[in-house]
Amino acid sequence: MEQDEGFSDEPDEDRKKDMRLVATIEYIVKEFWFAIWISKTKEDMLTAYDIHLFGMELPMLTVSERIILWNVFAQRYNLEEDVDTVLCANQYILTPKGIMDALR
């Protein structure tokens, strides 16, 4: 049977990701006695296991922190002179990884 063009593998991909997450959690439970979970996503899956769970929320970067990161990370690249890293830091609220990705 041919697949319809509108058919999506998304549910399959989500199921595979969940299975990998469960396998990871089971490994953590077996090898360690605690976990530090930084994401709110899927956090409830951990509560089903006998494991000490520490939640951690990282605050958004301040504008001054973003300016510093933009300037430090920009030194790794040959940017055009008209690239204003201060403007970028003020205009785009990005994580450190997001800043690195934007500069690439």
N, C-alpha and C. Protein backbone atom coordinates (compact mmCIF):
# COMPACT_ATOMS: atom_id res chain seq x y z
N MET A 1 0.84 -1.17 0.00
CA MET A 1 0.00 0.00 0.00
C MET A 1 0.89 1.24 0.00
N GLU A 2 0.60 2.17 -0.89
CA GLU A 2 1.39 3.40 -0.97
C GLU A 2 0.94 4.38 0.10
N GLN A 3 1.91 5.16 0.57
CA GLN A 3 1.58 6.16 1.58
C GLN A 3 1.05 7.41 0.91
N ASP A 4 0.05 7.98 1.52
CA ASP A 4 -0.51 9.25 1.08
C ASP A 4 0.53 10.34 1.25
N GLU A 5 0.58 11.30 0.32
CA GLU A 5 1.55 12.39 0.42
C GLU A 5 1.39 13.18 1.71
N GLY A 6 0.19 13.22 2.25
CA GLY A 6 -0.06 13.95 3.48
C GLY A 6 0.31 13.17 4.73
N PHE A 7 0.73 11.92 4.55
CA PHE A 7 1.09 11.07 5.69
C PHE A 7 2.32 11.61 6.38
N SER A 8 2.29 11.62 7.70
CA SER A 8 3.41 12.15 8.47
C SER A 8 3.98 11.06 9.37
N ASP A 9 5.31 11.01 9.44
CA ASP A 9 5.98 10.07 10.34
C ASP A 9 6.18 10.67 11.73
N GLU A 10 5.63 11.87 11.96
CA GLU A 10 5.85 12.55 13.24
C GLU A 10 5.47 11.70 14.45
N PRO A 11 4.29 11.08 14.48
CA PRO A 11 3.96 10.25 15.65
C PRO A 11 4.98 9.14 15.87
N ASP A 12 5.46 8.53 14.78
CA ASP A 12 6.49 7.50 14.89
C ASP A 12 7.78 8.07 15.48
N GLU A 13 8.18 9.23 15.02
CA GLU A 13 9.39 9.88 15.52
C GLU A 13 9.24 10.23 17.00
N ASP A 14 8.08 10.75 17.38
CA ASP A 14 7.83 11.08 18.78
C ASP A 14 7.90 9.83 19.65
N ARG A 15 7.34 8.74 19.15
CA ARG A 15 7.35 7.48 19.89
C ARG A 15 8.79 6.98 20.06
N LYS A 16 9.59 7.09 19.00
CA LYS A 16 11.00 6.67 19.08
C LYS A 16 11.77 7.53 20.08
N LYS A 17 11.52 8.84 20.08
CA LYS A 17 12.18 9.72 21.04
C LYS A 17 11.79 9.37 22.46
N ASP A 18 10.50 9.08 22.67
CA ASP A 18 10.03 8.70 24.01
C ASP A 18 10.69 7.39 24.45
N MET A 19 10.84 6.44 23.52
CA MET A 19 11.47 5.17 23.86
C MET A 19 12.94 5.38 24.24
N ARG A 20 13.63 6.27 23.52
CA ARG A 20 15.02 6.58 23.86
C ARG A 20 15.10 7.25 25.21
N LEU A 21 14.15 8.13 25.49
CA LEU A 21 14.13 8.81 26.78
C LEU A 21 13.90 7.81 27.91
N VAL A 22 12.97 6.88 27.73
CA VAL A 22 12.71 5.86 28.75
C VAL A 22 13.96 5.02 28.97
N ALA A 23 14.64 4.63 27.89
CA ALA A 23 15.87 3.85 28.02
C ALA A 23 16.93 4.64 28.78
N THR A 24 17.03 5.92 28.50
CA THR A 24 17.99 6.78 29.19
C THR A 24 17.66 6.87 30.67
N ILE A 25 16.39 7.07 30.98
CA ILE A 25 15.96 7.16 32.38
C ILE A 25 16.26 5.85 33.10
N GLU A 26 15.97 4.72 32.45
CA GLU A 26 16.23 3.42 33.08
C GLU A 26 17.72 3.23 33.34
N TYR A 27 18.55 3.70 32.43
CA TYR A 27 20.00 3.63 32.64
C TYR A 27 20.42 4.49 33.83
N ILE A 28 19.88 5.71 33.90
CA ILE A 28 20.20 6.61 35.01
C ILE A 28 19.79 5.98 36.33
N VAL A 29 18.60 5.39 36.38
CA VAL A 29 18.10 4.76 37.60
C VAL A 29 19.02 3.62 38.03
N LYS A 30 19.49 2.85 37.06
CA LYS A 30 20.33 1.69 37.36
C LYS A 30 21.73 2.12 37.82
N GLU A 31 22.30 3.13 37.18
CA GLU A 31 23.69 3.52 37.42
C GLU A 31 23.87 4.59 38.49
N PHE A 32 22.88 5.42 38.67
CA PHE A 32 23.01 6.56 39.59
C PHE A 32 21.81 6.58 40.53
N TRP A 33 21.90 7.35 41.56
CA TRP A 33 20.78 7.44 42.50
C TRP A 33 20.02 8.75 42.37
N PHE A 34 20.47 9.62 41.49
CA PHE A 34 19.76 10.89 41.31
C PHE A 34 19.93 11.38 39.88
N ALA A 35 19.11 12.36 39.52
CA ALA A 35 19.21 12.99 38.21
C ALA A 35 18.94 14.47 38.37
N ILE A 36 19.62 15.26 37.61
CA ILE A 36 19.33 16.69 37.53
C ILE A 36 18.69 16.91 36.17
N TRP A 37 17.46 17.38 36.18
CA TRP A 37 16.68 17.54 34.96
C TRP A 37 16.52 19.02 34.70
N ILE A 38 17.01 19.50 33.58
CA ILE A 38 17.01 20.93 33.31
C ILE A 38 15.78 21.36 32.52
N SER A 39 15.10 20.44 31.91
CA SER A 39 13.97 20.77 31.05
C SER A 39 12.64 20.42 31.71
N LYS A 40 11.65 21.27 31.53
CA LYS A 40 10.30 20.96 32.00
C LYS A 40 9.65 19.88 31.12
N THR A 41 10.15 19.75 29.89
CA THR A 41 9.61 18.79 28.95
C THR A 41 9.87 17.37 29.44
N LYS A 42 8.86 16.57 29.46
CA LYS A 42 8.92 15.16 29.84
C LYS A 42 9.35 14.94 31.28
N GLU A 43 9.38 15.98 32.08
CA GLU A 43 9.80 15.87 33.48
C GLU A 43 8.95 14.86 34.24
N ASP A 44 7.66 14.81 33.91
CA ASP A 44 6.75 13.91 34.60
C ASP A 44 7.10 12.44 34.39
N MET A 45 7.80 12.11 33.31
CA MET A 45 8.20 10.73 33.06
C MET A 45 9.16 10.23 34.14
N LEU A 46 9.96 11.13 34.69
CA LEU A 46 10.93 10.73 35.71
C LEU A 46 10.28 10.37 37.03
N THR A 47 9.13 10.95 37.31
CA THR A 47 8.48 10.71 38.60
C THR A 47 7.96 9.28 38.74
N ALA A 48 7.90 8.55 37.66
CA ALA A 48 7.44 7.16 37.71
C ALA A 48 8.53 6.22 38.21
N TYR A 49 9.75 6.72 38.36
CA TYR A 49 10.88 5.89 38.76
C TYR A 49 11.33 6.22 40.19
N ASP A 50 11.96 5.23 40.82
CA ASP A 50 12.49 5.42 42.17
C ASP A 50 13.85 6.11 42.07
N ILE A 51 13.81 7.41 41.91
CA ILE A 51 15.03 8.18 41.72
C ILE A 51 14.83 9.56 42.35
N HIS A 52 15.87 10.07 42.94
CA HIS A 52 15.81 11.43 43.48
C HIS A 52 15.90 12.40 42.31
N LEU A 53 14.98 13.30 42.22
CA LEU A 53 14.92 14.22 41.09
C LEU A 53 15.14 15.64 41.56
N PHE A 54 16.09 16.29 40.95
CA PHE A 54 16.36 17.69 41.22
C PHE A 54 16.01 18.48 39.97
N GLY A 55 15.08 19.39 40.09
CA GLY A 55 14.72 20.24 38.96
C GLY A 55 15.54 21.51 38.99
N MET A 56 15.89 22.01 37.84
CA MET A 56 16.69 23.22 37.77
C MET A 56 16.16 24.09 36.63
N GLU A 57 15.88 25.32 36.94
CA GLU A 57 15.44 26.24 35.91
C GLU A 57 16.52 27.30 35.73
N LEU A 58 16.97 27.45 34.51
CA LEU A 58 18.00 28.44 34.22
C LEU A 58 17.33 29.72 33.76
N PRO A 59 17.66 30.84 34.38
CA PRO A 59 17.03 32.11 33.98
C PRO A 59 17.52 32.55 32.60
N MET A 60 16.71 33.37 31.96
CA MET A 60 17.11 33.94 30.67
C MET A 60 18.33 34.83 30.88
N LEU A 61 19.14 34.93 29.86
CA LEU A 61 20.30 35.82 29.93
C LEU A 61 19.84 37.27 29.95
N THR A 62 20.56 38.10 30.68
CA THR A 62 20.27 39.53 30.66
C THR A 62 20.85 40.11 29.37
N VAL A 63 20.47 41.32 29.06
CA VAL A 63 21.00 41.98 27.85
C VAL A 63 22.52 42.10 27.96
N SER A 64 23.03 42.50 29.11
CA SER A 64 24.48 42.66 29.26
C SER A 64 25.20 41.32 29.10
N GLU A 65 24.61 40.23 29.59
CA GLU A 65 25.21 38.90 29.40
C GLU A 65 25.20 38.51 27.93
N ARG A 66 24.10 38.82 27.24
CA ARG A 66 24.03 38.51 25.81
C ARG A 66 25.05 39.32 25.02
N ILE A 67 25.24 40.59 25.38
CA ILE A 67 26.23 41.43 24.69
C ILE A 67 27.62 40.82 24.84
N ILE A 68 27.95 40.41 26.06
CA ILE A 68 29.26 39.80 26.30
C ILE A 68 29.42 38.54 25.46
N LEU A 69 28.41 37.68 25.47
CA LEU A 69 28.51 36.44 24.70
C LEU A 69 28.61 36.70 23.20
N TRP A 70 27.81 37.62 22.69
CA TRP A 70 27.90 37.96 21.26
C TRP A 70 29.31 38.43 20.92
N ASN A 71 29.88 39.29 21.75
CA ASN A 71 31.23 39.82 21.48
C ASN A 71 32.30 38.74 21.59
N VAL A 72 32.22 37.91 22.61
CA VAL A 72 33.22 36.85 22.79
C VAL A 72 33.12 35.82 21.67
N PHE A 73 31.91 35.35 21.39
CA PHE A 73 31.74 34.34 20.35
C PHE A 73 32.07 34.90 18.97
N ALA A 74 31.79 36.18 18.73
CA ALA A 74 32.04 36.80 17.42
C ALA A 74 33.53 36.85 17.09
N GLN A 75 34.38 36.83 18.11
CA GLN A 75 35.82 36.87 17.88
C GLN A 75 36.32 35.64 17.13
N ARG A 76 35.57 34.58 17.15
CA ARG A 76 35.95 33.34 16.46
C ARG A 76 35.68 33.40 14.95
N TYR A 77 34.97 34.42 14.51
CA TYR A 77 34.55 34.49 13.11
C TYR A 77 35.02 35.79 12.49
N ASN A 78 35.19 35.78 11.18
CA ASN A 78 35.51 36.99 10.43
C ASN A 78 34.20 37.63 9.98
N LEU A 79 33.63 38.44 10.86
CA LEU A 79 32.36 39.08 10.55
C LEU A 79 32.59 40.36 9.74
N GLU A 80 31.61 40.69 8.93
CA GLU A 80 31.66 41.96 8.21
C GLU A 80 31.65 43.10 9.22
N GLU A 81 32.24 44.22 8.85
CA GLU A 81 32.33 45.36 9.77
C GLU A 81 30.97 45.93 10.16
N ASP A 82 29.98 45.74 9.30
CA ASP A 82 28.66 46.32 9.60
C ASP A 82 27.80 45.44 10.52
N VAL A 83 28.34 44.31 10.98
CA VAL A 83 27.60 43.47 11.93
C VAL A 83 27.71 44.10 13.31
N ASP A 84 26.57 44.46 13.87
CA ASP A 84 26.51 45.12 15.17
C ASP A 84 26.08 44.09 16.22
N THR A 85 27.05 43.58 16.97
CA THR A 85 26.75 42.54 17.96
C THR A 85 25.90 43.07 19.11
N VAL A 86 26.04 44.35 19.45
CA VAL A 86 25.22 44.93 20.51
C VAL A 86 23.75 44.97 20.06
N LEU A 87 23.53 45.36 18.81
CA LEU A 87 22.18 45.37 18.27
C LEU A 87 21.60 43.95 18.27
N CYS A 88 22.41 42.99 17.84
CA CYS A 88 21.95 41.59 17.84
C CYS A 88 21.58 41.13 19.24
N ALA A 89 22.40 41.48 20.22
CA ALA A 89 22.14 41.08 21.61
C ALA A 89 20.85 41.70 22.13
N ASN A 90 20.57 42.92 21.70
CA ASN A 90 19.34 43.60 22.14
C ASN A 90 18.11 43.11 21.39
N GLN A 91 18.30 42.74 20.13
CA GLN A 91 17.17 42.40 19.28
C GLN A 91 16.75 40.93 19.40
N TYR A 92 17.72 40.04 19.64
CA TYR A 92 17.44 38.60 19.64
C TYR A 92 17.69 38.02 21.03
N ILE A 93 16.66 37.46 21.62
CA ILE A 93 16.79 36.83 22.94
C ILE A 93 17.12 35.36 22.70
N LEU A 94 18.42 35.08 22.72
CA LEU A 94 18.90 33.73 22.41
C LEU A 94 19.67 33.14 23.58
N THR A 95 19.75 31.82 23.59
CA THR A 95 20.59 31.11 24.54
C THR A 95 22.03 31.19 24.04
N PRO A 96 23.01 30.82 24.86
CA PRO A 96 24.39 30.80 24.35
C PRO A 96 24.53 29.95 23.09
N LYS A 97 23.88 28.79 23.05
CA LYS A 97 23.94 27.95 21.85
C LYS A 97 23.29 28.65 20.66
N GLY A 98 22.18 29.34 20.91
CA GLY A 98 21.51 30.07 19.85
C GLY A 98 22.39 31.17 19.27
N ILE A 99 23.15 31.83 20.13
CA ILE A 99 24.08 32.87 19.67
C ILE A 99 25.16 32.25 18.80
N MET A 100 25.72 31.13 19.26
CA MET A 100 26.75 30.43 18.47
C MET A 100 26.19 30.02 17.11
N ASP A 101 24.99 29.46 17.11
CA ASP A 101 24.38 29.03 15.85
C ASP A 101 24.13 30.21 14.92
N ALA A 102 23.72 31.34 15.46
CA ALA A 102 23.46 32.53 14.64
C ALA A 102 24.74 33.05 14.01
N LEU A 103 25.83 32.95 14.71
CA LEU A 103 27.10 33.45 14.18
C LEU A 103 27.70 32.55 13.11
N ARG A 104 27.31 31.30 13.10
CA ARG A 104 27.87 30.36 12.11
C ARG A 104 27.39 30.67 10.76
